[in-house]
Amino acid sequence: MSSLPTGLKGRAELGVALLLGAAGVLVFLDANRLSVPYSQSDPVGPKTVPFIVAGLLVTCAVLLAVNVLRGGKGEAEGGEDIELGHPADWKTVLPLAGAFILNILLIDWAGWVISGTLLFWGSVLALGSRHYIRDGIISVVLSLLTFYGFYLGLGIALPAGLLEGIL
């Protein structure tokens, strides 16, 4: 037996609408907390884009919810290379999610270069590559390139962590 009311059966898109709306509210609240010094030379300011994004997210959420409640449904994927009846490949999804979670947990302490290397290397392993040494070297190079690319190209310092003073 389903715990959903009969009128809401088959309306999973309402969950997507709820997530869009929640994301819009979070973006709005976060943008509202930005402290911006007053400037007459910049009439737009840094709060404008987050407010626009928040408004668009909430608008999309409302429009999607109205569409679903009126009977609209998303179409099933029609790609020829996708087997719709095949279950999810959890042997790939779980290690890939683990690599992302490990990155989140390690980035502040170990730094981007180490956590990014583990992220890139864990991702290619989860996706089926078995060239361990080559993938490890490429992962280190990618982490270093992104670390210095953000720092030199964008002026954004990613956490150095354990390699502070070396990088």
Protein backbone atom coordinates (compact mmCIF):
# COMPACT_ATOMS: atom_id res chain seq x y z
CA MET A 1 0.00 0.00 0.00
CA SER A 2 1.22 3.47 -0.86
CA SER A 3 1.39 6.14 1.82
CA LEU A 4 0.71 8.89 -0.74
CA PRO A 5 -2.82 10.21 -1.19
CA THR A 6 -4.42 8.84 -4.37
CA GLY A 7 -4.37 12.26 -6.07
CA LEU A 8 -0.57 12.53 -5.66
CA LYS A 9 0.35 9.07 -6.98
CA GLY A 10 2.78 9.27 -9.89
CA ARG A 11 3.60 12.90 -9.21
CA ALA A 12 7.27 12.63 -8.31
CA GLU A 13 7.87 15.93 -10.10
CA LEU A 14 6.34 17.65 -7.07
CA GLY A 15 9.47 16.59 -5.16
CA VAL A 16 11.60 18.33 -7.78
CA ALA A 17 9.42 21.44 -7.45
CA LEU A 18 9.86 21.32 -3.68
CA LEU A 19 13.65 21.05 -4.02
CA LEU A 20 13.72 23.94 -6.52
CA GLY A 21 11.64 26.08 -4.17
CA ALA A 22 13.82 25.20 -1.19
CA ALA A 23 16.96 26.03 -3.17
CA GLY A 24 15.41 29.37 -4.16
CA VAL A 25 14.60 30.21 -0.55
CA LEU A 26 18.12 29.24 0.58
CA VAL A 27 19.71 31.38 -2.15
CA PHE A 28 17.47 34.30 -1.16
CA LEU A 29 18.28 33.97 2.55
CA ASP A 30 21.99 33.62 1.85
CA ALA A 31 22.01 36.63 -0.49
CA ASN A 32 20.08 38.64 2.06
CA ARG A 33 22.88 38.07 4.60
CA LEU A 34 25.53 39.54 2.31
CA SER A 35 27.00 42.66 3.84
CA VAL A 36 27.65 45.15 1.09
CA PRO A 37 29.16 48.57 1.65
CA TYR A 38 27.10 51.30 0.03
CA SER A 39 28.44 52.43 -3.31
CA GLN A 40 26.92 55.07 -5.57
CA SER A 41 29.12 54.02 -8.47
CA ASP A 42 27.65 50.50 -8.61
CA PRO A 43 23.85 50.67 -8.73
CA VAL A 44 23.46 46.92 -9.28
CA GLY A 45 25.64 45.54 -6.49
CA PRO A 46 26.59 41.96 -5.66
CA LYS A 47 23.17 41.02 -4.25
CA THR A 48 21.33 41.46 -7.55
CA VAL A 49 22.31 38.24 -9.30
CA PRO A 50 21.60 35.97 -6.29
CA PHE A 51 18.19 37.63 -5.88
CA ILE A 52 17.43 37.08 -9.56
CA VAL A 53 18.53 33.43 -9.33
CA ALA A 54 16.43 32.94 -6.18
CA GLY A 55 13.40 34.47 -7.89
CA LEU A 56 13.86 32.30 -10.97
CA LEU A 57 14.23 29.15 -8.86
CA VAL A 58 11.04 29.87 -6.92
CA THR A 59 9.18 30.82 -10.13
CA CYS A 60 10.25 27.56 -11.80
CA ALA A 61 9.20 25.62 -8.69
CA VAL A 62 5.74 27.20 -8.69
CA LEU A 63 5.25 26.72 -12.43
CA LEU A 64 6.38 23.09 -12.24
CA ALA A 65 4.07 22.38 -9.30
CA VAL A 66 1.11 23.96 -11.09
CA ASN A 67 1.89 21.97 -14.24
CA VAL A 68 2.13 18.68 -12.34
CA LEU A 69 -1.07 19.35 -10.38
CA ARG A 70 -2.86 20.03 -13.68
CA GLY A 71 -1.81 16.60 -14.94
CA GLY A 72 1.50 17.31 -16.66
CA LYS A 73 4.14 14.59 -16.53
CA GLY A 74 7.74 14.30 -17.57
CA GLU A 75 8.41 12.04 -20.53
CA ALA A 76 10.46 8.90 -20.10
CA GLU A 77 13.96 8.98 -21.55
CA GLY A 78 13.84 7.98 -25.18
CA GLY A 79 17.57 7.52 -25.81
CA GLU A 80 18.50 4.42 -27.73
CA ASP A 81 21.55 3.74 -25.57
CA ILE A 82 19.60 3.68 -22.31
CA GLU A 83 17.93 0.56 -21.01
CA LEU A 84 14.99 1.93 -18.99
CA GLY A 85 14.20 -1.38 -17.35
CA HIS A 86 17.75 -1.87 -16.08
CA PRO A 87 18.26 -1.09 -12.36
CA ALA A 88 20.78 1.49 -11.14
CA ASP A 89 24.42 0.42 -11.15
CA TRP A 90 25.10 0.77 -7.43
CA LYS A 91 28.61 -0.72 -7.83
CA THR A 92 29.47 2.48 -9.71
CA VAL A 93 27.22 5.01 -8.00
CA LEU A 94 28.22 4.27 -4.40
CA PRO A 95 32.02 4.46 -4.87
CA LEU A 96 31.56 7.61 -6.96
CA ALA A 97 29.45 9.18 -4.21
CA GLY A 98 32.09 8.02 -1.71
CA ALA A 99 34.81 9.86 -3.65
CA PHE A 100 32.77 13.07 -3.51
CA ILE A 101 32.00 12.66 0.20
CA LEU A 102 35.68 11.95 0.93
CA ASN A 103 36.58 15.14 -0.92
CA ILE A 104 34.11 17.14 1.16
CA LEU A 105 35.46 15.69 4.39
CA LEU A 106 39.16 16.13 3.54
CA ILE A 107 39.36 19.40 1.61
CA ASP A 108 39.76 21.72 4.61
CA TRP A 109 42.20 19.52 6.52
CA ALA A 110 44.24 17.88 3.74
CA GLY A 111 43.83 20.66 1.17
CA TRP A 112 42.58 20.71 -2.41
CA VAL A 113 45.57 19.05 -4.04
CA ILE A 114 45.31 15.94 -1.86
CA SER A 115 41.50 15.77 -1.68
CA GLY A 116 41.16 16.66 -5.38
CA THR A 117 43.63 13.92 -6.32
CA LEU A 118 41.59 11.41 -4.32
CA LEU A 119 38.39 12.74 -5.90
CA PHE A 120 39.69 12.44 -9.47
CA TRP A 121 41.38 9.10 -8.88
CA GLY A 122 38.42 7.63 -6.99
CA SER A 123 36.05 8.82 -9.73
CA VAL A 124 37.93 7.12 -12.57
CA LEU A 125 38.28 3.95 -10.51
CA ALA A 126 34.54 3.95 -9.79
CA LEU A 127 33.84 4.45 -13.50
CA GLY A 128 35.88 1.37 -14.37
CA SER A 129 39.43 2.42 -15.25
CA ARG A 130 42.15 0.00 -14.15
CA HIS A 131 45.23 2.03 -15.12
CA TYR A 132 46.08 2.83 -11.51
CA ILE A 133 49.45 4.55 -11.94
CA ARG A 134 48.52 6.54 -15.05
CA ASP A 135 45.24 7.65 -13.46
CA GLY A 136 47.02 8.61 -10.24
CA ILE A 137 49.53 10.76 -12.12
CA ILE A 138 46.78 12.42 -14.16
CA SER A 139 44.81 13.04 -10.95
CA VAL A 140 47.76 14.77 -9.28
CA VAL A 141 48.38 16.89 -12.38
CA LEU A 142 44.68 17.86 -12.62
CA SER A 143 44.60 18.81 -8.94
CA LEU A 144 47.71 20.95 -9.26
CA LEU A 145 46.45 22.58 -12.46
CA THR A 146 43.10 23.45 -10.89
CA PHE A 147 44.79 24.65 -7.68
CA TYR A 148 47.08 27.04 -9.55
CA GLY A 149 44.44 27.84 -12.17
CA PHE A 150 42.09 29.10 -9.50
CA TYR A 151 44.88 30.95 -7.68
CA LEU A 152 46.67 32.54 -10.63
CA GLY A 153 43.80 32.78 -13.09
CA LEU A 154 40.94 33.77 -10.81
CA GLY A 155 42.67 34.98 -7.66
CA ILE A 156 40.85 32.37 -5.55
CA ALA A 157 43.00 30.50 -3.05
CA LEU A 158 41.86 26.92 -2.61
CA PRO A 159 42.81 25.35 0.73
CA ALA A 160 46.42 24.09 0.77
CA GLY A 161 45.90 22.00 3.92
CA LEU A 162 48.82 19.70 4.70
CA LEU A 163 50.83 21.17 1.81
CA GLU A 164 50.69 24.74 3.22
CA GLY A 165 54.06 26.38 2.61
CA ILE A 166 54.99 23.85 -0.08
CA LEU A 167 52.54 25.02 -2.75
